[in-house]
């Protein structure tokens, strides 16, 4: 009886759904850690770049401080010379020298203040970056140590699910060809591989099916697949509560996959 096959497929579907879920978890878990490691590497790179930038700014600030101190000395020295001049020409030359040294002194002081303020801001930014780096590094190290344990548990769970699926072939008697096709359907249809027909409508894709095809499904002479969504079909004598979403497609079985592909007789 095909009803027994449908029962077996429904049971297999549950195992396959769980199997694909665990496989995805095994695949995604290292990816999550990898993304966090990449984030940490980026933070470290930004930290190092900022550190080098601060060293350069600090060197520039020291140079400006040295130049400013020399400018102050030059300015003071020029002012003292005023007591020694005796001619108008000397006075005018010295007055220009004092003015130039004062302008240079003020310019260097302005640059020095700006550079020192920038250094304060950059050092504060570096402290924040360093704290962020420590937090992320702690998370990566902690999750990295747990990942192997989690993956081992998931792999054991997957091994159990694979065994359950194998039983469908060895103990339940589902043909290997049907098992392979059904597994692909369940995976592609996000866990929904076998669905009923209600009022000549496939409950998987909500498409109205040709009457003769529905009769073939209802006869349960062989496994039938929806010509539109490829799911395994079985007839269920129950009217749909709402048929407003039904899509009627013309063409009968013209879109059906090659007959030989799904031509499975009773087993």
Protein backbone atom coordinates (compact mmCIF):
# COMPACT_ATOMS: atom_id res chain seq x y z
CA UNK A 1 0.00 0.00 0.00
CA UNK A 2 1.27 3.44 -0.94
CA UNK A 3 -0.14 4.78 2.33
CA UNK A 4 2.63 2.90 4.09
CA UNK A 5 5.15 4.51 1.76
CA UNK A 6 3.73 7.95 2.51
CA UNK A 7 4.02 7.26 6.24
CA UNK A 8 7.63 6.21 5.78
CA UNK A 9 8.38 9.28 3.69
CA UNK A 10 6.82 11.55 6.29
CA UNK A 11 8.99 9.94 8.96
CA UNK A 12 12.04 10.23 6.70
CA UNK A 13 11.19 13.87 6.05
CA UNK A 14 11.51 14.65 9.76
CA UNK A 15 14.95 13.01 9.88
CA UNK A 16 16.08 14.82 6.74
CA UNK A 17 14.92 18.19 8.03
CA UNK A 18 16.87 17.67 11.23
CA UNK A 19 19.89 16.42 9.27
CA UNK A 20 19.98 19.43 6.95
CA UNK A 21 19.54 21.78 9.92
CA UNK A 22 22.52 20.23 11.74
CA UNK A 23 24.62 20.29 8.56
CA UNK A 24 23.90 23.99 8.18
CA UNK A 25 24.82 24.60 11.82
CA UNK A 26 28.13 22.74 11.39
CA UNK A 27 28.81 24.89 8.34
CA UNK A 28 27.75 28.20 9.89
CA UNK A 29 29.38 27.87 13.32
CA UNK A 30 32.97 28.18 12.05
CA UNK A 31 31.82 30.99 9.76
CA UNK A 32 30.54 32.98 12.74
CA UNK A 33 33.87 32.58 14.51
CA UNK A 34 35.70 33.43 11.29
CA UNK A 35 33.72 36.66 10.97
CA UNK A 36 34.59 37.61 14.55
CA UNK A 37 38.25 36.79 13.92
CA UNK A 38 38.20 38.97 10.81
CA UNK A 39 36.63 41.78 12.85
CA UNK A 40 39.35 41.36 15.48
CA UNK A 41 42.06 41.44 12.81
CA UNK A 42 40.57 44.64 11.43
CA UNK A 43 40.54 46.25 14.88
CA UNK A 44 44.17 45.21 15.44
CA UNK A 45 45.14 46.65 12.07
CA UNK A 46 43.37 49.94 12.86
CA UNK A 47 45.03 49.99 16.29
CA UNK A 48 48.49 49.52 14.80
CA UNK A 49 47.91 52.19 12.17
CA UNK A 50 46.68 54.61 14.82
CA UNK A 51 49.67 53.81 17.04
CA UNK A 52 52.11 54.57 14.21
CA UNK A 53 50.20 57.76 13.40
CA UNK A 54 50.47 58.90 17.04
CA UNK A 55 54.22 58.23 17.04
CA UNK A 56 54.55 60.45 13.96
CA UNK A 57 52.41 63.20 15.50
CA UNK A 58 54.40 63.00 18.73
CA UNK A 59 57.66 63.41 16.80
CA UNK A 60 56.20 66.38 14.92
CA UNK A 61 55.07 67.94 18.21
CA UNK A 62 58.57 67.62 19.69
CA UNK A 63 60.05 69.27 16.60
CA UNK A 64 57.53 72.11 16.83
CA UNK A 65 58.28 72.53 20.55
CA UNK A 66 62.03 72.74 19.80
CA UNK A 67 61.46 75.25 16.99
CA UNK A 68 59.11 77.31 19.15
CA UNK A 69 61.57 77.46 22.04
CA UNK A 70 64.28 78.65 19.62
CA UNK A 71 61.90 81.26 18.20
CA UNK A 72 61.23 82.60 21.70
CA UNK A 73 64.95 82.83 22.38
CA UNK A 74 65.51 84.60 19.06
CA UNK A 75 62.68 87.05 19.78
CA UNK A 76 64.00 87.87 23.25
CA UNK A 77 67.54 88.23 21.94
CA UNK A 78 66.38 90.67 19.26
CA UNK A 79 64.59 92.80 21.83
CA UNK A 80 67.73 93.05 23.97
CA UNK A 81 69.68 94.40 20.99
CA UNK A 82 67.47 97.50 21.03
CA UNK A 83 69.58 98.90 23.88
CA UNK A 84 72.70 98.74 21.73
CA UNK A 85 71.58 100.39 18.47
CA UNK A 86 72.75 103.91 17.63
CA UNK A 87 71.39 104.68 14.16
CA UNK A 88 67.99 104.87 12.54
CA UNK A 89 69.03 102.31 9.96
CA UNK A 90 70.01 99.82 12.66
CA UNK A 91 66.72 100.53 14.45
CA UNK A 92 64.63 99.79 11.36
CA UNK A 93 66.53 96.59 10.61
CA UNK A 94 66.22 95.37 14.19
CA UNK A 95 62.56 96.30 14.36
CA UNK A 96 61.91 94.11 11.28
CA UNK A 97 63.91 91.29 12.84
CA UNK A 98 61.84 91.50 16.03
CA UNK A 99 58.60 91.57 14.05
CA UNK A 100 59.60 88.53 11.95
CA UNK A 101 60.68 86.55 15.01
CA UNK A 102 57.43 87.39 16.78
CA UNK A 103 55.34 86.27 13.79
CA UNK A 104 57.33 83.00 13.59
CA UNK A 105 56.95 82.47 17.35
CA UNK A 106 53.16 82.92 17.19
CA UNK A 107 52.86 80.70 14.12
CA UNK A 108 54.85 77.89 15.74
CA UNK A 109 52.85 78.20 18.96
CA UNK A 110 49.59 77.89 17.03
CA UNK A 111 50.86 74.80 15.18
CA UNK A 112 52.11 73.31 18.45
CA UNK A 113 48.74 73.74 20.18
CA UNK A 114 46.92 72.18 17.23
CA UNK A 115 49.31 69.21 17.10
CA UNK A 116 49.12 68.62 20.86
CA UNK A 117 45.32 68.75 20.80
CA UNK A 118 45.30 66.27 17.94
CA UNK A 119 47.61 64.01 19.96
CA UNK A 120 45.24 64.10 22.93
CA UNK A 121 42.31 63.13 20.71
CA UNK A 122 44.28 60.37 18.97
CA UNK A 123 45.49 58.90 22.27
CA UNK A 124 41.91 58.84 23.58
CA UNK A 125 40.86 57.10 20.36
CA UNK A 126 43.71 54.62 20.82
CA UNK A 127 42.53 53.77 24.33
CA UNK A 128 39.01 53.07 23.06
CA UNK A 129 40.40 50.96 20.21
CA UNK A 130 42.60 49.02 22.64
CA UNK A 131 39.65 48.25 24.91
CA UNK A 132 37.55 47.16 21.94
CA UNK A 133 40.42 44.95 20.79
CA UNK A 134 40.70 43.28 24.21
CA UNK A 135 36.95 42.58 24.36
CA UNK A 136 36.85 41.07 20.87
CA UNK A 137 40.02 39.06 21.46
CA UNK A 138 38.52 37.63 24.65
CA UNK A 139 35.35 36.65 22.77
CA UNK A 140 37.28 34.99 19.95
CA UNK A 141 39.48 33.02 22.37
CA UNK A 142 36.49 31.96 24.46
CA UNK A 143 34.33 30.94 21.51
CA UNK A 144 37.24 29.26 19.79
CA UNK A 145 37.77 26.97 22.74
CA UNK A 146 34.07 26.11 22.86
CA UNK A 147 33.68 25.65 19.12
CA UNK A 148 35.44 22.30 18.98
CA UNK A 149 33.21 20.92 21.75
CA UNK A 150 30.06 22.20 20.05
CA UNK A 151 31.11 20.85 16.66
CA UNK A 152 31.86 17.44 18.16
CA UNK A 153 28.35 17.29 19.63
CA UNK A 154 26.85 18.39 16.29
CA UNK A 155 28.86 15.79 14.39
CA UNK A 156 27.62 13.05 16.70
CA UNK A 157 24.06 14.31 16.23
CA UNK A 158 24.56 14.29 12.47
CA UNK A 159 25.91 10.73 12.62
CA UNK A 160 22.76 9.62 14.45
CA UNK A 161 20.53 11.36 11.90
CA UNK A 162 22.45 9.81 9.00
CA UNK A 163 21.90 6.42 10.60
CA UNK A 164 18.17 7.13 10.90
CA UNK A 165 18.06 8.08 7.22
CA UNK A 166 19.97 4.92 6.27
CA UNK A 167 17.39 2.87 8.13
CA UNK A 168 14.79 4.22 5.71
CA UNK A 169 16.58 2.33 2.96
CA UNK A 170 17.75 -0.74 4.85
CA UNK A 171 14.85 -1.35 7.26
CA UNK A 172 11.94 0.69 5.88
CA UNK A 173 12.49 -0.52 2.33
CA UNK A 174 12.51 2.86 0.60
CA UNK A 175 14.33 2.47 -2.74
CA UNK A 176 17.69 4.24 -2.93
CA UNK A 177 16.54 6.18 -6.03
CA UNK A 178 13.43 7.45 -4.27
CA UNK A 179 15.49 8.25 -1.16
CA UNK A 180 17.95 10.31 -3.20
CA UNK A 181 15.23 12.26 -5.04
CA UNK A 182 13.16 12.80 -1.93
CA UNK A 183 16.21 14.05 -0.01
CA UNK A 184 16.87 16.61 -2.75
CA UNK A 185 13.25 17.75 -2.70
CA UNK A 186 13.18 18.16 1.09
CA UNK A 187 16.39 20.17 0.96
CA UNK A 188 15.28 22.39 -1.91
CA UNK A 189 11.80 22.93 -0.48
CA UNK A 190 13.08 23.83 3.00
CA UNK A 191 11.79 20.74 4.77
CA UNK A 192 8.54 20.20 2.88
CA UNK A 193 8.92 17.19 0.59
CA UNK A 194 5.55 15.45 0.79
CA UNK A 195 2.21 17.28 0.76
CA UNK A 196 -1.47 16.40 0.28
CA UNK A 197 -3.84 17.33 -2.52
CA UNK A 198 -6.95 19.21 -1.38
CA UNK A 199 -9.72 19.83 -3.90
CA UNK A 200 -7.34 19.05 -6.78
CA UNK A 201 -4.84 21.59 -5.46
CA UNK A 202 -1.24 20.86 -4.46
CA UNK A 203 -0.82 22.09 -0.89
CA UNK A 204 2.87 22.69 -1.53
CA UNK A 205 2.60 25.29 -4.29
CA UNK A 206 -1.17 26.01 -4.28
CA UNK A 207 -1.51 25.10 -7.95
CA UNK A 208 -4.61 23.50 -9.44
CA UNK A 209 -3.69 20.12 -10.90
CA UNK A 210 -5.19 18.32 -13.94
CA UNK A 211 -8.08 16.04 -12.97
CA UNK A 212 -6.55 12.94 -14.56
CA UNK A 213 -3.30 13.51 -12.70
CA UNK A 214 -5.19 13.87 -9.42
CA UNK A 215 -6.95 10.59 -10.17
CA UNK A 216 -3.56 8.97 -10.73
CA UNK A 217 -2.39 10.23 -7.35
CA UNK A 218 -5.60 9.06 -5.74
CA UNK A 219 -5.24 5.58 -7.20
CA UNK A 220 -1.92 5.21 -5.34
CA UNK A 221 -0.53 2.90 -8.00
CA UNK A 222 2.85 4.65 -7.84
CA UNK A 223 4.60 7.62 -6.30
CA UNK A 224 3.57 10.82 -8.05
CA UNK A 225 5.38 14.15 -7.94
CA UNK A 226 3.81 17.57 -8.38
CA UNK A 227 4.59 18.71 -11.93
CA UNK A 228 5.03 22.27 -10.67
CA UNK A 229 6.94 22.07 -7.37
CA UNK A 230 8.25 18.45 -7.57
CA UNK A 231 6.96 17.47 -4.12
CA UNK A 232 5.63 13.96 -3.45
CA UNK A 233 1.82 14.04 -3.49
CA UNK A 234 -0.88 12.04 -1.77
CA UNK A 235 -4.62 12.55 -1.92
CA UNK A 236 -6.45 13.76 1.16
CA UNK A 237 -10.21 14.06 1.05
CA UNK A 238 -10.50 17.42 2.72
CA UNK A 239 -11.73 20.71 1.24
CA UNK A 240 -9.48 23.72 1.55
CA UNK A 241 -10.79 26.38 3.90
CA UNK A 242 -9.56 29.12 1.63
CA UNK A 243 -8.90 28.68 -2.09
CA UNK A 244 -8.38 32.36 -2.84
CA UNK A 245 -4.61 31.88 -3.22
CA UNK A 246 -4.96 29.05 -5.77
CA UNK A 247 -3.07 29.66 -9.02
CA UNK A 248 -4.50 27.92 -12.06
CA UNK A 249 -1.85 27.02 -14.62
CA UNK A 250 -2.58 25.68 -18.05
CA UNK A 251 -0.66 22.98 -19.82
CA UNK A 252 -1.54 19.86 -17.83
CA UNK A 253 1.65 17.92 -17.24
CA UNK A 254 3.68 19.71 -19.89
CA UNK A 255 6.03 21.08 -17.20
CA UNK A 256 6.43 17.71 -15.54
CA UNK A 257 10.01 16.46 -15.25
CA UNK A 258 10.97 13.59 -17.53
CA UNK A 259 8.72 10.62 -16.87
CA UNK A 260 11.64 8.26 -16.50
CA UNK A 261 13.09 10.36 -13.69
CA UNK A 262 10.22 9.74 -11.27
CA UNK A 263 8.77 6.51 -12.67
CA UNK A 264 8.79 4.51 -9.46
CA UNK A 265 6.59 1.41 -9.29
CA UNK A 266 5.27 -0.25 -6.17
CA UNK A 267 7.85 -1.77 -3.87
